[in-house]
C-alpha atoms as a PDB file:
ATOM      1  CA  MET A   1      15.684 -69.767  15.968  1.00  0.00           C
ATOM      2  CA  ASP A   2      16.079 -68.618  12.648  1.00  0.00           C
ATOM      3  CA  GLN A   3      18.834 -66.236  11.697  1.00  0.00           C
ATOM      4  CA  LEU A   4      17.355 -62.938  10.365  1.00  0.00           C
ATOM      5  CA  LEU A   5      19.875 -60.488  10.035  1.00  0.00           C
ATOM      6  CA  GLN A   6      23.669 -61.665   9.377  1.00  0.00           C
ATOM      7  CA  PHE A   7      26.616 -59.472   9.032  1.00  0.00           C
ATOM      8  CA  ASP A   8      29.854 -61.663   7.877  1.00  0.00           C
ATOM      9  CA  HIS A   9      33.273 -59.827   8.369  1.00  0.00           C
ATOM     10  CA  VAL A  10      31.727 -56.542   7.526  1.00  0.00           C
ATOM     11  CA  SER A  11      33.922 -53.210   7.033  1.00  0.00           C
ATOM     12  CA  LYS A  12      33.055 -49.937   6.064  1.00  0.00           C
ATOM     13  CA  VAL A  13      35.891 -47.339   5.245  1.00  0.00           C
ATOM     14  CA  TYR A  14      34.828 -43.705   4.077  1.00  0.00           C
ATOM     15  CA  MET A  15      36.844 -41.340   2.007  1.00  0.00           C
ATOM     16  CA  ARG A  16      40.039 -40.057   3.780  1.00  0.00           C
ATOM     17  CA  GLY A  17      40.483 -43.509   5.463  1.00  0.00           C
ATOM     18  CA  ARG A  18      38.053 -43.190   8.362  1.00  0.00           C
ATOM     19  CA  THR A  19      36.812 -46.657   9.345  1.00  0.00           C
ATOM     20  CA  ALA A  20      33.346 -46.707  10.684  1.00  0.00           C
ATOM     21  CA  LEU A  21      32.876 -50.501  10.884  1.00  0.00           C
ATOM     22  CA  ASN A  22      35.887 -53.093  11.460  1.00  0.00           C
ATOM     23  CA  ASN A  23      35.352 -56.593  10.693  1.00  0.00           C
ATOM     24  CA  VAL A  24      31.792 -56.795  12.033  1.00  0.00           C
ATOM     25  CA  SER A  25      30.327 -60.457  12.262  1.00  0.00           C
ATOM     26  CA  LEU A  26      26.746 -60.496  13.853  1.00  0.00           C
ATOM     27  CA  ASN A  27      23.702 -62.673  13.850  1.00  0.00           C
ATOM     28  CA  ILE A  28      20.216 -61.376  14.782  1.00  0.00           C
ATOM     29  CA  GLY A  29      17.258 -63.723  15.308  1.00  0.00           C
ATOM     30  CA  SER A  30      13.478 -63.134  14.954  1.00  0.00           C
ATOM     31  CA  GLY A  31      11.531 -62.239  17.753  1.00  0.00           C
ATOM     32  CA  LYS A  32      13.815 -59.971  19.654  1.00  0.00           C
ATOM     33  CA  ILE A  33      14.042 -56.125  20.551  1.00  0.00           C
ATOM     34  CA  ILE A  34      17.701 -55.581  20.301  1.00  0.00           C
ATOM     35  CA  GLY A  35      19.554 -52.631  21.615  1.00  0.00           C
ATOM     36  CA  LEU A  36      22.586 -51.365  19.528  1.00  0.00           C
ATOM     37  CA  LEU A  37      24.293 -49.116  21.823  1.00  0.00           C
ATOM     38  CA  GLY A  38      27.425 -47.297  21.521  1.00  0.00           C
ATOM     39  CA  THR A  39      28.463 -43.567  22.024  1.00  0.00           C
ATOM     40  CA  ASN A  40      28.057 -40.904  19.195  1.00  0.00           C
ATOM     41  CA  GLY A  41      30.176 -41.793  16.205  1.00  0.00           C
ATOM     42  CA  SER A  42      30.643 -45.581  17.367  1.00  0.00           C
ATOM     43  CA  GLY A  43      29.223 -46.717  14.118  1.00  0.00           C
ATOM     44  CA  LYS A  44      25.478 -47.495  14.877  1.00  0.00           C
ATOM     45  CA  SER A  45      24.097 -45.478  12.135  1.00  0.00           C
ATOM     46  CA  THR A  46      26.520 -47.043   9.755  1.00  0.00           C
ATOM     47  CA  PHE A  47      25.507 -50.460  10.792  1.00  0.00           C
ATOM     48  CA  MET A  48      21.782 -49.619  10.185  1.00  0.00           C
ATOM     49  CA  LYS A  49      22.192 -48.022   6.884  1.00  0.00           C
ATOM     50  CA  ILE A  50      24.143 -50.887   5.457  1.00  0.00           C
ATOM     51  CA  ALA A  51      21.428 -53.392   6.893  1.00  0.00           C
ATOM     52  CA  ALA A  52      18.790 -51.100   5.088  1.00  0.00           C
ATOM     53  CA  GLY A  53      20.666 -51.114   1.895  1.00  0.00           C
ATOM     54  CA  LEU A  54      21.496 -47.389   1.823  1.00  0.00           C
ATOM     55  CA  LEU A  55      25.260 -47.767   1.973  1.00  0.00           C
ATOM     56  CA  GLN A  56      27.543 -50.583   0.524  1.00  0.00           C
ATOM     57  CA  PRO A  57      30.119 -52.098   2.743  1.00  0.00           C
ATOM     58  CA  SER A  58      33.832 -51.722   2.058  1.00  0.00           C
ATOM     59  CA  SER A  59      34.412 -55.581   2.618  1.00  0.00           C
ATOM     60  CA  GLY A  60      32.102 -58.501   3.684  1.00  0.00           C
ATOM     61  CA  HIS A  61      28.445 -59.661   3.198  1.00  0.00           C
ATOM     62  CA  VAL A  62      25.252 -58.838   4.730  1.00  0.00           C
ATOM     63  CA  THR A  63      21.894 -60.885   4.256  1.00  0.00           C
ATOM     64  CA  ILE A  64      18.510 -60.756   5.646  1.00  0.00           C
ATOM     65  CA  SER A  65      16.490 -63.895   5.820  1.00  0.00           C
ATOM     66  CA  GLY A  66      19.277 -65.457   3.568  1.00  0.00           C
ATOM     67  CA  THR A  67      18.799 -62.855   1.073  1.00  0.00           C
ATOM     68  CA  PRO A  68      21.809 -60.596   0.171  1.00  0.00           C
ATOM     69  CA  VAL A  69      21.015 -56.862   0.968  1.00  0.00           C
ATOM     70  CA  GLY A  70      19.819 -54.876  -1.862  1.00  0.00           C
ATOM     71  CA  LEU A  71      16.376 -54.269  -3.657  1.00  0.00           C
ATOM     72  CA  ASP A  72      15.007 -57.646  -2.539  1.00  0.00           C
ATOM     73  CA  THR A  73      15.345 -56.971   1.157  1.00  0.00           C
ATOM     74  CA  LYS A  74      14.155 -53.518   1.281  1.00  0.00           C
ATOM     75  CA  SER A  75      10.332 -54.960   1.214  1.00  0.00           C
ATOM     76  CA  ILE A  76      11.056 -56.498   4.685  1.00  0.00           C
ATOM     77  CA  VAL A  77      13.194 -53.781   6.129  1.00  0.00           C
ATOM     78  CA  SER A  78      11.876 -50.656   7.872  1.00  0.00           C
ATOM     79  CA  PHE A  79      14.230 -48.086   8.773  1.00  0.00           C
ATOM     80  CA  MET A  80      13.712 -44.992  10.555  1.00  0.00           C
ATOM     81  CA  PRO A  81      16.737 -42.712  10.449  1.00  0.00           C
ATOM     82  CA  ASP A  82      17.873 -40.314  12.696  1.00  0.00           C
ATOM     83  CA  ARG A  83      16.549 -37.386  10.531  1.00  0.00           C
ATOM     84  CA  PRO A  84      12.750 -36.996   9.653  1.00  0.00           C
ATOM     85  CA  LEU A  85      11.536 -38.544   6.525  1.00  0.00           C
ATOM     86  CA  THR A  86       8.694 -36.215   6.182  1.00  0.00           C
ATOM     87  CA  GLU A  87       8.714 -32.842   4.770  1.00  0.00           C
ATOM     88  CA  ALA A  88       7.676 -29.595   6.822  1.00  0.00           C
ATOM     89  CA  TRP A  89       4.868 -28.734   4.240  1.00  0.00           C
ATOM     90  CA  MET A  90       2.575 -31.908   4.864  1.00  0.00           C
ATOM     91  CA  LYS A  91       0.151 -32.311   7.294  1.00  0.00           C
ATOM     92  CA  VAL A  92       0.243 -35.926   9.091  1.00  0.00           C
ATOM     93  CA  SER A  93      -2.515 -36.969   6.644  1.00  0.00           C
ATOM     94  CA  ASP A  94      -0.233 -36.239   3.860  1.00  0.00           C
ATOM     95  CA  ALA A  95       2.751 -38.090   5.689  1.00  0.00           C
ATOM     96  CA  VAL A  96       0.261 -41.297   5.858  1.00  0.00           C
ATOM     97  CA  ALA A  97      -0.797 -41.036   2.369  1.00  0.00           C
ATOM     98  CA  PHE A  98       2.894 -40.809   1.126  1.00  0.00           C
ATOM     99  CA  PHE A  99       3.958 -43.723   3.147  1.00  0.00           C
ATOM    100  CA  GLN A 100       0.721 -45.872   1.708  1.00  0.00           C
ATOM    101  CA  ASP A 101       2.009 -44.936  -1.755  1.00  0.00           C
ATOM    102  CA  PHE A 102       5.439 -45.685  -1.105  1.00  0.00           C
ATOM    103  CA  TYR A 103       5.200 -49.041   0.663  1.00  0.00           C
ATOM    104  CA  GLN A 104       2.777 -51.661  -0.146  1.00  0.00           C
ATOM    105  CA  ASP A 105       3.098 -53.145   3.154  1.00  0.00           C
ATOM    106  CA  PHE A 106       1.960 -50.112   4.813  1.00  0.00           C
ATOM    107  CA  ASP A 107      -0.835 -50.756   7.245  1.00  0.00           C
ATOM    108  CA  VAL A 108      -3.106 -47.605   7.287  1.00  0.00           C
ATOM    109  CA  GLN A 109      -5.415 -48.915  10.183  1.00  0.00           C
ATOM    110  CA  LYS A 110      -2.380 -49.467  12.479  1.00  0.00           C
ATOM    111  CA  ALA A 111      -0.999 -46.030  11.629  1.00  0.00           C
ATOM    112  CA  HIS A 112      -4.435 -44.669  12.626  1.00  0.00           C
ATOM    113  CA  ASN A 113      -4.138 -46.511  15.775  1.00  0.00           C
ATOM    114  CA  MET A 114      -0.952 -45.470  16.608  1.00  0.00           C
ATOM    115  CA  LEU A 115      -1.486 -41.860  15.975  1.00  0.00           C
ATOM    116  CA  GLU A 116      -4.393 -41.987  18.340  1.00  0.00           C
ATOM    117  CA  PHE A 117      -2.250 -43.894  21.128  1.00  0.00           C
ATOM    118  CA  MET A 118       0.326 -40.814  20.346  1.00  0.00           C
ATOM    119  CA  ASN A 119      -2.491 -38.101  20.599  1.00  0.00           C
ATOM    120  CA  ILE A 120      -1.471 -36.910  16.986  1.00  0.00           C
ATOM    121  CA  GLN A 121      -4.145 -35.654  14.754  1.00  0.00           C
ATOM    122  CA  LEU A 122      -4.440 -36.021  11.044  1.00  0.00           C
ATOM    123  CA  ASN A 123      -4.895 -32.307  10.393  1.00  0.00           C
ATOM    124  CA  ASP A 124      -1.750 -31.503  12.703  1.00  0.00           C
ATOM    125  CA  ARG A 125       0.858 -29.584  10.403  1.00  0.00           C
ATOM    126  CA  ILE A 126       4.318 -31.477  10.769  1.00  0.00           C
ATOM    127  CA  SER A 127       5.966 -27.989  10.933  1.00  0.00           C
ATOM    128  CA  ALA A 128       3.759 -27.104  14.182  1.00  0.00           C
ATOM    129  CA  LEU A 129       4.718 -30.297  15.989  1.00  0.00           C
ATOM    130  CA  SER A 130       7.211 -30.502  18.863  1.00  0.00           C
ATOM    131  CA  LYS A 131      10.252 -32.586  18.465  1.00  0.00           C
ATOM    132  CA  GLY A 132       8.985 -35.128  20.495  1.00  0.00           C
ATOM    133  CA  MET A 133       5.507 -35.105  18.828  1.00  0.00           C
ATOM    134  CA  ASN A 134       7.719 -35.403  15.429  1.00  0.00           C
ATOM    135  CA  GLU A 135       9.609 -38.518  16.947  1.00  0.00           C
ATOM    136  CA  ARG A 136       6.321 -40.138  17.744  1.00  0.00           C
ATOM    137  CA  LEU A 137       5.145 -39.440  14.300  1.00  0.00           C
ATOM    138  CA  GLN A 138       8.285 -41.019  12.750  1.00  0.00           C
ATOM    139  CA  LEU A 139       7.973 -43.945  14.733  1.00  0.00           C
ATOM    140  CA  THR A 140       4.606 -44.273  13.778  1.00  0.00           C
ATOM    141  CA  LEU A 141       5.085 -44.318  10.188  1.00  0.00           C
ATOM    142  CA  ALA A 142       8.101 -46.614  10.399  1.00  0.00           C
ATOM    143  CA  LEU A 143       6.153 -49.257  12.802  1.00  0.00           C
ATOM    144  CA  SER A 144       2.999 -49.344  10.477  1.00  0.00           C
ATOM    145  CA  ARG A 145       4.750 -51.304   7.683  1.00  0.00           C
ATOM    146  CA  ASN A 146       4.548 -54.705   7.808  1.00  0.00           C
ATOM    147  CA  ALA A 147       8.140 -55.553   7.743  1.00  0.00           C
ATOM    148  CA  ARG A 148      10.324 -58.447   9.389  1.00  0.00           C
ATOM    149  CA  LEU A 149      13.270 -56.289  10.372  1.00  0.00           C
ATOM    150  CA  TYR A 150      12.502 -52.601  11.855  1.00  0.00           C
ATOM    151  CA  MET A 151      15.509 -50.298  12.743  1.00  0.00           C
ATOM    152  CA  LEU A 152      14.991 -47.417  14.759  1.00  0.00           C
ATOM    153  CA  ASP A 153      18.243 -44.873  14.921  1.00  0.00           C
ATOM    154  CA  GLU A 154      17.973 -42.598  18.006  1.00  0.00           C
ATOM    155  CA  PRO A 155      14.347 -42.605  18.486  1.00  0.00           C
ATOM    156  CA  ILE A 156      14.574 -41.047  21.811  1.00  0.00           C
ATOM    157  CA  GLY A 157      17.473 -38.610  21.337  1.00  0.00           C
ATOM    158  CA  GLY A 158      16.762 -35.003  21.874  1.00  0.00           C
ATOM    159  CA  VAL A 159      13.308 -35.585  23.335  1.00  0.00           C
ATOM    160  CA  ASP A 160      12.094 -35.031  26.815  1.00  0.00           C
ATOM    161  CA  PRO A 161      11.425 -37.863  29.387  1.00  0.00           C
ATOM    162  CA  VAL A 162       7.700 -37.906  29.094  1.00  0.00           C
ATOM    163  CA  ALA A 163       7.853 -38.034  25.342  1.00  0.00           C
ATOM    164  CA  ARG A 164      10.520 -40.930  25.803  1.00  0.00           C
ATOM    165  CA  GLY A 165       7.953 -43.025  27.899  1.00  0.00           C
ATOM    166  CA  LYS A 166       5.370 -42.551  25.576  1.00  0.00           C
ATOM    167  CA  ILE A 167       7.484 -43.593  22.584  1.00  0.00           C
ATOM    168  CA  LEU A 168       8.792 -46.698  24.405  1.00  0.00           C
ATOM    169  CA  ASP A 169       5.081 -47.446  25.284  1.00  0.00           C
ATOM    170  CA  ALA A 170       4.143 -47.481  21.682  1.00  0.00           C
ATOM    171  CA  ILE A 171       6.894 -49.654  20.683  1.00  0.00           C
ATOM    172  CA  VAL A 172       6.073 -52.199  23.368  1.00  0.00           C
ATOM    173  CA  GLU A 173       2.273 -51.829  22.163  1.00  0.00           C
ATOM    174  CA  PHE A 174       2.563 -52.053  18.452  1.00  0.00           C
ATOM    175  CA  TYR A 175       5.762 -54.154  18.057  1.00  0.00           C
ATOM    176  CA  ASN A 176       5.127 -57.379  15.862  1.00  0.00           C
ATOM    177  CA  GLU A 177       6.429 -59.970  17.848  1.00  0.00           C
ATOM    178  CA  ASP A 178       7.269 -62.254  15.036  1.00  0.00           C
ATOM    179  CA  SER A 179       9.592 -59.602  13.787  1.00  0.00           C
ATOM    180  CA  SER A 180      12.764 -58.175  15.121  1.00  0.00           C
ATOM    181  CA  LEU A 181      13.570 -54.329  16.254  1.00  0.00           C
ATOM    182  CA  ILE A 182      16.884 -53.075  16.477  1.00  0.00           C
ATOM    183  CA  ILE A 183      16.965 -49.635  18.193  1.00  0.00           C
ATOM    184  CA  SER A 184      20.266 -47.612  18.383  1.00  0.00           C
ATOM    185  CA  THR A 185      20.861 -45.150  21.305  1.00  0.00           C
ATOM    186  CA  HIS A 186      23.304 -43.887  23.714  1.00  0.00           C
ATOM    187  CA  LEU A 187      20.458 -43.220  26.445  1.00  0.00           C
ATOM    188  CA  VAL A 188      20.757 -47.011  27.682  1.00  0.00           C
ATOM    189  CA  ARG A 189      18.869 -46.218  31.109  1.00  0.00           C
ATOM    190  CA  ASP A 190      15.900 -44.966  29.527  1.00  0.00           C
ATOM    191  CA  ILE A 191      15.455 -47.710  27.259  1.00  0.00           C
ATOM    192  CA  GLU A 192      16.624 -50.950  28.466  1.00  0.00           C
ATOM    193  CA  ARG A 193      13.552 -52.074  30.166  1.00  0.00           C
ATOM    194  CA  ILE A 194      12.337 -53.337  26.564  1.00  0.00           C
ATOM    195  CA  PHE A 195      15.596 -54.777  25.359  1.00  0.00           C
ATOM    196  CA  ASP A 196      15.798 -58.848  24.787  1.00  0.00           C
ATOM    197  CA  GLU A 197      19.343 -58.415  23.798  1.00  0.00           C
ATOM    198  CA  VAL A 198      22.151 -56.001  23.445  1.00  0.00           C
ATOM    199  CA  VAL A 199      24.908 -55.550  20.979  1.00  0.00           C
ATOM    200  CA  PHE A 200      27.879 -52.655  22.307  1.00  0.00           C
ATOM    201  CA  ILE A 201      29.666 -51.116  19.394  1.00  0.00           C
ATOM    202  CA  ARG A 202      32.875 -49.162  20.080  1.00  0.00           C
ATOM    203  CA  ASN A 203      35.073 -47.578  17.639  1.00  0.00           C
ATOM    204  CA  GLY A 204      33.205 -49.764  14.766  1.00  0.00           C
ATOM    205  CA  GLU A 205      33.640 -53.016  16.464  1.00  0.00           C
ATOM    206  CA  ILE A 206      31.294 -55.443  18.407  1.00  0.00           C
ATOM    207  CA  VAL A 207      32.698 -55.656  22.199  1.00  0.00           C
ATOM    208  CA  LEU A 208      29.545 -57.439  23.564  1.00  0.00           C
ATOM    209  CA  HIS A 209      26.465 -59.171  22.363  1.00  0.00           C
ATOM    210  CA  ASP A 210      24.334 -60.650  24.894  1.00  0.00           C
ATOM    211  CA  GLU A 211      21.011 -61.488  26.255  1.00  0.00           C
ATOM    212  CA  VAL A 212      20.064 -58.858  28.898  1.00  0.00           C
ATOM    213  CA  GLU A 213      19.144 -61.339  31.420  1.00  0.00           C
ATOM    214  CA  ASN A 214      22.433 -62.862  31.011  1.00  0.00           C
ATOM    215  CA  ILE A 215      24.405 -59.786  31.672  1.00  0.00           C
ATOM    216  CA  ARG A 216      22.322 -59.112  34.809  1.00  0.00           C
ATOM    217  CA  MET A 217      22.982 -62.683  35.993  1.00  0.00           C
ATOM    218  CA  LYS A 218      26.383 -62.984  35.227  1.00  0.00           C
ATOM    219  CA  HIS A 219      27.692 -59.672  35.939  1.00  0.00           C
ATOM    220  CA  GLY A 220      25.170 -58.483  38.499  1.00  0.00           C
ATOM    221  CA  LYS A 221      24.811 -55.118  36.496  1.00  0.00           C
ATOM    222  CA  SER A 222      22.174 -53.444  34.819  1.00  0.00           C
ATOM    223  CA  VAL A 223      22.826 -52.977  31.012  1.00  0.00           C
ATOM    224  CA  ASP A 224      23.395 -49.044  31.811  1.00  0.00           C
ATOM    225  CA  GLU A 225      26.027 -50.124  34.685  1.00  0.00           C
ATOM    226  CA  MET A 226      27.731 -52.410  32.138  1.00  0.00           C
ATOM    227  CA  PHE A 227      27.622 -49.934  29.163  1.00  0.00           C
ATOM    228  CA  LYS A 228      29.242 -47.265  31.376  1.00  0.00           C
ATOM    229  CA  GLY A 229      31.822 -49.504  32.548  1.00  0.00           C
ATOM    230  CA  VAL A 230      32.672 -50.736  28.946  1.00  0.00           C
ATOM    231  CA  PHE A 231      32.716 -47.410  27.557  1.00  0.00           C
ATOM    232  CA  ALA A 232      34.724 -45.786  30.636  1.00  0.00           C
ATOM    233  CA  GLU A 233      37.644 -48.010  29.790  1.00  0.00           C
END
């Protein structure tokens, strides 16, 4: 298995001395759906922003397919932040056109297929979409790029169970199995069914990285049960 994403002793300290990541080393291979699991403030978003090249680490090194994170890696990483990348004035068609103009690897046909799957119309105004529908749109835009690494920051946060189910179904349906997908969340029970591996992050440190089947075999617990045990300590 080739190493797709490598964090090598990475730390991130913000102004006033707050440590968001502390000496994180992690290897992620291709062809995996990985859960990046932790409570709010555990370092999940900082981890993703560094991998996406939006933040610089205070120390350590990050590479994607052996290339240091920077301009050369942005073309193979698709990042869906926890806030929409679209503008309220847009229609869905405007958002698709914007991504098509901005990203050479954007697959318009895939976007249209996903929008149909999500029951979203091109003429829908983004300002009129519910939170759940807007999350579906953001997911569509992120997954319609032909990237090697996809990262979704809290894609099911704050949406109802029906919307969560539709979002997870779409991830499974449209995920490119040659790439890897990292999903950050604290809503473990709702999403663990799609994970191949999980990474537990607490106070900016990796406390567990294992395959889901190993967790079930070794500990006799679901990922959610293991998560509650680790983060209740």
